[in-house]
Protein backbone atom coordinates (compact mmCIF):
# COMPACT_ATOMS: atom_id res chain seq x y z
CA MET A 1 11.06 17.48 -47.48
CA ILE A 2 8.18 17.27 -44.62
CA ASP A 3 8.36 13.55 -43.55
CA LEU A 4 5.46 12.41 -41.65
CA ARG A 5 6.68 8.59 -41.68
CA SER A 6 7.38 8.42 -38.43
CA ASP A 7 8.93 10.29 -35.23
CA THR A 8 11.82 8.30 -35.50
CA VAL A 9 13.12 10.80 -38.46
CA THR A 10 13.61 13.45 -35.85
CA ARG A 11 17.12 15.11 -36.17
CA PRO A 12 19.12 15.90 -32.71
CA SER A 13 18.93 20.08 -32.61
CA ALA A 14 22.27 22.21 -32.03
CA ALA A 15 21.97 22.16 -28.46
CA MET A 16 21.55 18.33 -28.20
CA MET A 17 24.54 18.00 -30.35
CA GLU A 18 26.69 20.37 -28.59
CA ALA A 19 25.87 18.36 -25.25
CA MET A 20 26.99 15.07 -27.02
CA ILE A 21 29.83 16.95 -27.94
CA SER A 22 31.07 18.07 -24.66
CA ALA A 23 29.78 14.43 -22.61
CA GLN A 24 32.37 13.17 -20.19
CA THR A 25 32.74 9.31 -21.66
CA GLY A 26 34.27 6.00 -20.04
CA ASP A 27 33.79 2.72 -20.72
CA ASP A 28 30.59 1.41 -20.29
CA VAL A 29 31.19 -1.96 -20.25
CA TYR A 30 32.84 -1.69 -17.37
CA GLY A 31 30.33 0.53 -15.59
CA GLU A 32 32.54 3.28 -15.99
CA ASP A 33 30.56 5.87 -18.14
CA PRO A 34 29.42 8.54 -16.32
CA THR A 35 27.36 9.83 -18.57
CA VAL A 36 25.90 6.69 -19.27
CA ASN A 37 25.57 6.15 -15.56
CA LYS A 38 23.69 9.27 -15.13
CA LEU A 39 21.02 8.61 -17.97
CA GLU A 40 20.25 5.19 -16.59
CA THR A 41 19.62 6.68 -12.71
CA LEU A 42 17.45 9.67 -14.32
CA ALA A 43 15.47 6.94 -16.34
CA ALA A 44 14.81 5.12 -13.15
CA GLU A 45 13.92 7.86 -11.01
CA LEU A 46 11.35 9.57 -13.57
CA THR A 47 9.65 6.14 -13.73
CA ALA A 48 9.84 5.18 -10.10
CA LYS A 49 12.10 2.15 -11.04
CA GLU A 50 14.91 0.94 -9.18
CA ALA A 51 17.41 0.57 -11.73
CA GLY A 52 17.51 1.50 -15.72
CA LEU A 53 19.79 0.08 -18.48
CA PHE A 54 20.59 2.04 -21.57
CA VAL A 55 20.18 0.10 -24.59
CA SER A 56 20.73 0.50 -28.78
CA SER A 57 17.17 0.66 -29.71
CA GLY A 58 13.36 -0.29 -28.65
CA THR A 59 13.31 -3.93 -30.23
CA GLN A 60 16.87 -4.85 -28.38
CA GLY A 61 15.28 -2.91 -25.02
CA ASN A 62 11.93 -5.18 -25.63
CA LEU A 63 13.90 -8.58 -26.44
CA LEU A 64 15.99 -7.87 -23.62
CA ALA A 65 12.56 -7.84 -21.24
CA LEU A 66 11.44 -11.21 -22.87
CA LEU A 67 14.67 -13.30 -21.93
CA SER A 68 15.06 -11.85 -18.47
CA HIS A 69 11.39 -12.34 -17.55
CA CYS A 70 10.96 -15.45 -19.45
CA GLU A 71 13.12 -19.10 -19.85
CA ARG A 72 12.70 -21.28 -22.66
CA GLY A 73 9.60 -22.83 -23.02
CA ASP A 74 7.93 -20.12 -21.37
CA GLU A 75 5.18 -17.85 -23.11
CA TYR A 76 4.24 -14.65 -22.84
CA ILE A 77 0.98 -12.76 -23.90
CA ALA A 78 0.74 -9.86 -26.55
CA GLY A 79 -1.30 -7.81 -28.72
CA GLN A 80 -1.50 -9.09 -32.42
CA ASP A 81 -0.44 -5.95 -33.51
CA ALA A 82 1.61 -4.99 -30.99
CA HIS A 83 5.32 -4.63 -31.75
CA THR A 84 6.76 -6.98 -29.43
CA TYR A 85 4.73 -9.49 -31.75
CA GLN A 86 4.67 -8.59 -35.26
CA PHE A 87 7.51 -6.28 -35.75
CA GLU A 88 10.58 -7.51 -33.94
CA GLY A 89 11.52 -10.26 -36.12
CA GLY A 90 10.33 -12.98 -33.68
CA GLY A 91 13.35 -12.43 -31.38
CA GLY A 92 11.94 -13.93 -28.02
CA ALA A 93 11.01 -17.26 -30.25
CA VAL A 94 14.33 -16.93 -32.35
CA LEU A 95 17.15 -16.21 -29.18
CA GLY A 96 15.01 -17.20 -25.81
CA GLY A 97 13.10 -20.09 -27.11
CA ILE A 98 9.95 -18.09 -25.16
CA GLN A 99 6.68 -19.10 -27.37
CA PRO A 100 4.35 -15.38 -28.21
CA GLN A 101 0.18 -15.55 -27.77
CA PRO A 102 -1.13 -12.83 -29.28
CA LEU A 103 -4.41 -11.68 -28.64
CA ALA A 104 -6.68 -9.29 -30.47
CA PHE A 105 -6.14 -5.42 -29.19
CA ASN A 106 -9.41 -3.16 -28.81
CA ASP A 107 -10.32 0.09 -30.41
CA ARG A 108 -8.74 1.37 -27.31
CA GLY A 109 -5.42 -0.38 -27.39
CA GLU A 110 -6.30 -2.60 -24.81
CA LEU A 111 -6.18 -6.34 -24.05
CA ASP A 112 -9.21 -8.13 -22.93
CA LEU A 113 -8.55 -9.21 -19.01
CA ASN A 114 -11.45 -12.35 -19.81
CA GLU A 115 -9.41 -12.97 -22.97
CA ILE A 116 -6.11 -12.84 -21.09
CA ALA A 117 -7.72 -15.43 -18.29
CA THR A 118 -8.54 -17.91 -21.26
CA ALA A 119 -5.06 -17.58 -22.89
CA ILE A 120 -3.08 -18.77 -19.60
CA LYS A 121 -2.07 -21.96 -19.99
CA PRO A 122 -2.88 -24.37 -16.88
CA ASN A 123 -0.14 -26.08 -14.96
CA ASP A 124 0.24 -29.09 -17.29
CA TYR A 125 3.41 -29.72 -18.88
CA HIS A 126 1.56 -30.39 -22.40
CA PHE A 127 1.42 -26.84 -22.51
CA ALA A 128 4.03 -24.13 -22.41
CA ARG A 129 4.21 -21.90 -19.06
CA THR A 130 2.66 -18.58 -18.97
CA ARG A 131 5.00 -16.17 -17.84
CA LEU A 132 4.48 -12.61 -19.17
CA VAL A 133 1.94 -10.11 -20.00
CA CYS A 134 2.80 -7.03 -22.35
CA LEU A 135 1.00 -4.38 -23.11
CA GLU A 136 1.84 -1.14 -25.35
CA ASN A 137 1.50 2.69 -24.47
CA THR A 138 0.73 4.49 -26.72
CA GLN A 139 -0.79 1.85 -29.23
CA SER A 140 -0.85 2.85 -32.65
CA GLY A 141 -1.03 6.65 -30.83
CA LYS A 142 -4.04 5.70 -28.73
CA VAL A 143 -3.66 6.06 -24.72
CA LEU A 144 -4.28 3.51 -22.50
CA SER A 145 -6.21 4.69 -19.54
CA LEU A 146 -4.98 4.71 -16.01
CA ASP A 147 -8.37 2.92 -14.84
CA TYR A 148 -7.57 0.31 -17.17
CA ILE A 149 -3.65 -0.02 -16.45
CA GLN A 150 -4.76 -0.15 -12.76
CA ARG A 151 -7.11 -2.93 -13.20
CA PHE A 152 -4.62 -4.91 -15.49
CA SER A 153 -2.08 -4.47 -13.02
CA ALA A 154 -4.42 -6.01 -10.63
CA PHE A 155 -6.08 -8.75 -12.43
CA VAL A 156 -2.17 -10.08 -13.64
CA ALA A 157 -0.85 -9.97 -10.28
CA GLU A 158 -3.70 -12.11 -8.50
CA ARG A 159 -2.48 -14.76 -11.34
CA GLY A 160 1.23 -14.48 -10.79
CA LEU A 161 2.55 -13.40 -13.88
CA ARG A 162 4.90 -10.61 -14.45
CA THR A 163 4.15 -7.61 -16.67
CA HIS A 164 6.23 -5.63 -19.36
CA LEU A 165 5.34 -2.41 -20.91
CA ASP A 166 6.32 -1.55 -24.22
CA GLY A 167 6.57 2.30 -23.51
CA ALA A 168 8.13 3.31 -26.78
CA ARG A 169 6.13 6.62 -26.64
CA VAL A 170 4.59 6.53 -22.84
CA PHE A 171 5.91 10.00 -22.55
CA ASN A 172 3.33 10.91 -25.12
CA ALA A 173 0.65 9.31 -23.24
CA SER A 174 1.62 11.03 -19.94
CA VAL A 175 1.77 14.52 -21.31
CA ARG A 176 -1.80 13.43 -23.05
CA LEU A 177 -2.95 12.55 -19.03
CA GLU A 178 -1.45 15.38 -17.54
CA VAL A 179 0.11 12.82 -14.99
CA PRO A 180 3.99 11.80 -14.01
CA VAL A 181 5.14 9.26 -16.15
CA ASP A 182 5.45 6.51 -12.75
CA GLU A 183 1.94 7.34 -12.49
CA ILE A 184 2.07 4.65 -15.41
CA THR A 185 4.92 2.71 -15.09
CA ARG A 186 4.65 1.79 -11.77
CA HIS A 187 1.98 -0.57 -12.36
CA PHE A 188 4.50 -2.71 -14.93
CA ASP A 189 7.17 -4.51 -13.70
CA THR A 190 9.68 -3.49 -16.71
CA VAL A 191 9.27 -0.68 -18.89
CA SER A 192 11.22 -0.11 -22.26
CA ILE A 193 11.17 3.71 -23.40
CA CYS A 194 12.54 4.87 -26.53
CA LEU A 195 14.59 7.84 -26.90
CA SER A 196 14.55 8.06 -30.61
CA LYS A 197 11.02 8.93 -31.48
CA GLY A 198 8.93 11.51 -29.96
CA LEU A 199 11.95 12.80 -27.62
CA ALA A 200 14.08 13.34 -30.52
CA ALA A 201 17.12 11.35 -29.62
CA PRO A 202 19.56 10.31 -32.73
CA VAL A 203 19.79 6.41 -31.05
CA GLY A 204 18.89 4.22 -28.16
CA SER A 205 16.24 3.37 -25.34
CA LEU A 206 16.01 1.98 -21.87
CA LEU A 207 15.12 -0.71 -19.88
CA VAL A 208 13.68 0.20 -16.51
CA GLY A 209 13.04 -2.29 -14.08
CA ASP A 210 13.64 -3.59 -10.21
CA LYS A 211 17.52 -4.81 -9.69
CA LYS A 212 17.53 -7.75 -10.60
CA THR A 213 15.39 -7.88 -13.75
CA ILE A 214 17.78 -5.37 -14.96
CA ALA A 215 21.19 -6.94 -13.98
CA ARG A 216 19.67 -10.17 -15.70
CA ALA A 217 18.95 -8.02 -18.31
CA ARG A 218 22.47 -6.36 -18.40
CA ARG A 219 24.01 -9.98 -18.75
CA TRP A 220 21.64 -10.42 -21.80
CA ARG A 221 22.64 -7.05 -23.40
CA LYS A 222 26.21 -8.51 -23.44
CA ILE A 223 25.62 -11.98 -25.16
CA LEU A 224 23.48 -9.79 -27.75
CA GLY A 225 26.21 -7.94 -28.25
CA GLY A 226 24.55 -4.56 -27.10
CA GLY A 227 27.68 -3.94 -24.98
CA MET A 228 28.99 0.08 -25.77
CA ARG A 229 32.24 1.33 -24.67
CA GLN A 230 32.27 5.14 -24.96
CA ALA A 231 28.86 5.32 -25.13
CA GLY A 232 28.13 8.79 -23.57
CA ILE A 233 28.04 10.52 -26.59
CA LEU A 234 24.44 8.97 -27.01
CA ALA A 235 23.70 8.90 -23.50
CA ALA A 236 23.77 12.80 -23.53
CA ALA A 237 21.67 13.24 -26.15
CA GLY A 238 19.33 11.11 -24.12
CA ILE A 239 19.53 12.89 -20.81
CA TYR A 240 19.13 16.45 -23.14
CA ALA A 241 15.92 14.40 -24.17
CA LEU A 242 14.51 13.53 -20.84
CA THR A 243 15.17 17.45 -19.74
CA HIS A 244 14.18 19.67 -22.26
CA HIS A 245 11.69 17.51 -24.96
CA ILE A 246 8.94 16.04 -22.90
CA GLU A 247 6.84 19.03 -22.10
CA ARG A 248 6.82 19.97 -25.99
CA LEU A 249 5.24 16.68 -26.78
CA ALA A 250 2.18 18.64 -26.58
CA GLU A 251 3.04 20.77 -29.35
CA ASP A 252 2.86 17.30 -31.69
CA HIS A 253 -0.30 16.61 -30.31
CA ASP A 254 -1.94 19.75 -31.16
CA HIS A 255 -0.46 19.74 -34.76
CA ALA A 256 -1.99 16.02 -34.91
CA ASP A 257 -5.47 17.54 -33.41
CA GLU A 258 -5.30 20.80 -36.18
CA LEU A 259 -4.30 18.17 -38.65
CA ALA A 260 -7.46 15.74 -38.13
CA THR A 261 -9.75 18.60 -37.85
CA ALA A 262 -8.54 20.14 -41.55
CA LEU A 263 -8.66 16.13 -43.05
CA LYS A 264 -12.72 15.61 -41.73
CA ARG A 265 -13.74 17.93 -44.20
CA LEU A 266 -12.52 16.33 -47.16
CA ASP A 267 -14.46 14.16 -49.14
CA SER A 268 -12.05 11.43 -50.65
CA LEU A 269 -10.17 11.35 -47.40
CA GLY A 270 -10.87 11.39 -43.25
CA VAL A 271 -9.48 9.97 -40.47
CA ILE A 272 -10.45 7.03 -37.79
CA ASP A 273 -11.20 8.12 -34.51
CA ASP A 274 -9.50 11.92 -32.85
CA PRO A 275 -5.92 11.34 -32.17
CA ASP A 276 -5.31 10.79 -28.80
CA THR A 277 -1.39 12.02 -29.13
CA ASN A 278 0.63 12.60 -32.18
CA MET A 279 -0.79 9.98 -34.96
CA VAL A 280 -3.44 10.90 -37.37
CA MET A 281 -4.62 7.71 -39.19
CA LEU A 282 -6.29 8.15 -42.25
CA ASP A 283 -9.64 6.56 -43.36
CA LEU A 284 -9.05 6.35 -47.33
CA LYS A 285 -12.39 6.49 -48.13
CA THR A 286 -12.59 6.79 -51.97
CA THR A 287 -8.84 6.92 -52.21
CA ASP A 288 -5.74 5.12 -53.32
CA PHE A 289 -3.08 5.00 -51.14
CA SER A 290 -0.58 4.76 -53.87
CA ASN A 291 -2.05 7.84 -55.86
CA LEU A 292 -1.90 9.80 -52.79
CA ASN A 293 1.50 9.14 -52.07
CA THR A 294 2.76 10.17 -55.37
CA PHE A 295 1.00 13.60 -54.80
CA MET A 296 2.26 14.24 -52.05
CA ALA A 297 5.71 13.11 -52.53
CA ALA A 298 5.35 15.60 -55.76
CA HIS A 299 4.87 18.36 -53.29
CA GLY A 300 7.30 17.61 -51.00
CA ILE A 301 5.64 15.31 -48.36
CA THR A 302 6.59 11.90 -47.23
CA LEU A 303 3.98 9.07 -46.37
CA SER A 304 4.75 5.56 -45.77
CA SER A 305 1.56 4.41 -44.76
CA PRO A 306 -1.87 6.38 -44.06
CA ARG A 307 -0.40 6.86 -40.66
CA LEU A 308 0.80 10.62 -40.57
CA VAL A 309 3.38 10.87 -37.42
CA LEU A 310 3.76 14.38 -36.25
CA HIS A 311 7.13 15.38 -34.54
CA ARG A 312 9.69 18.15 -33.42
CA ASP A 313 10.61 18.66 -36.60
CA ILE A 314 6.89 19.27 -38.16
CA SER A 315 6.69 23.03 -37.21
CA HIS A 316 3.07 24.58 -37.25
CA ASP A 317 3.74 26.41 -41.00
CA ASP A 318 4.55 22.64 -41.96
CA VAL A 319 1.20 21.20 -40.77
CA GLN A 320 -0.43 24.00 -42.35
CA THR A 321 1.25 23.01 -45.73
CA VAL A 322 0.28 19.68 -45.19
CA ILE A 323 -3.48 20.34 -44.91
CA ASP A 324 -3.52 22.68 -48.13
CA THR A 325 -1.99 19.67 -49.97
CA PHE A 326 -4.51 17.24 -49.06
CA ARG A 327 -6.83 20.18 -49.84
CA ALA A 328 -5.46 20.48 -53.28
CA PHE A 329 -5.23 16.25 -53.69
CA ASP A 330 -9.53 16.12 -52.52
CA GLN A 331 -9.76 18.79 -54.97
CA GLY A 332 -8.19 16.81 -57.77
CA ARG A 333 -5.95 19.87 -58.74
CA ASP A 334 -2.34 20.54 -58.71
CA SER A 335 -1.71 23.24 -55.78
């Protein structure tokens, strides 16, 4: 089965499993797991932050950021289609009493700075207090330019607001831009990083930031039931991912380019923009997705939406198989 639903479906390699099996462990709630401590230090160093926190998921990492930056009655600004707003169960509002203020992303995954300025609430007790602005990189596979990030950072700092980056795929962005990841992360107060997407660890994310904020996040993690014990078994996979799987993300980007180039030549299908990273967004044109999904499944290819995601478990041969199957669908015949 060739699974294009998401890069979350990646499975640990034999070498990663070996690292997990041989990991030194301790009780992480007491701060005594050496492998977790090593992972948190490594993440902080890579992102040029003071501290890191190993968490169970990207959703938990983003929620901890909201809870650590904001108090009850505060507000955070985020994209209308951002994961922090749309796909995390309203956790900030449910658990923190934090009001979201969504704004539309443009076609580059950016929030318009003038719209942010308009959305910031005045210092008046009739309004929630705007405290935080969140971005996402990548956003639907799009990479935020360094120029935009720098302008955004300066703009928000002038208004005395904090910033959080949902950087679930921030290493895809850094690889695409050909810059160290800290060229991106240094512009944000906190950054969440997913280990279980393109980096191909089986579970876990990281939240990085200054020591004070991460200390608050660690307390919130405990409150949320996120304290883990001998978590070094999982952290070892994260260390392996950060030391072996970053540069190889370029292969996923190349596979996405190859797939998109082929799909552009079809009559019933196409792509919405050239891919920046590992995601190909289908333009269905005259195609009904349910029919396409059924056809692809019958040929051993799993889709869940018009978003096709390339990842470590998709080989070059797999990409060619996917292309051939799309061509067969386009031609209206069984391959």
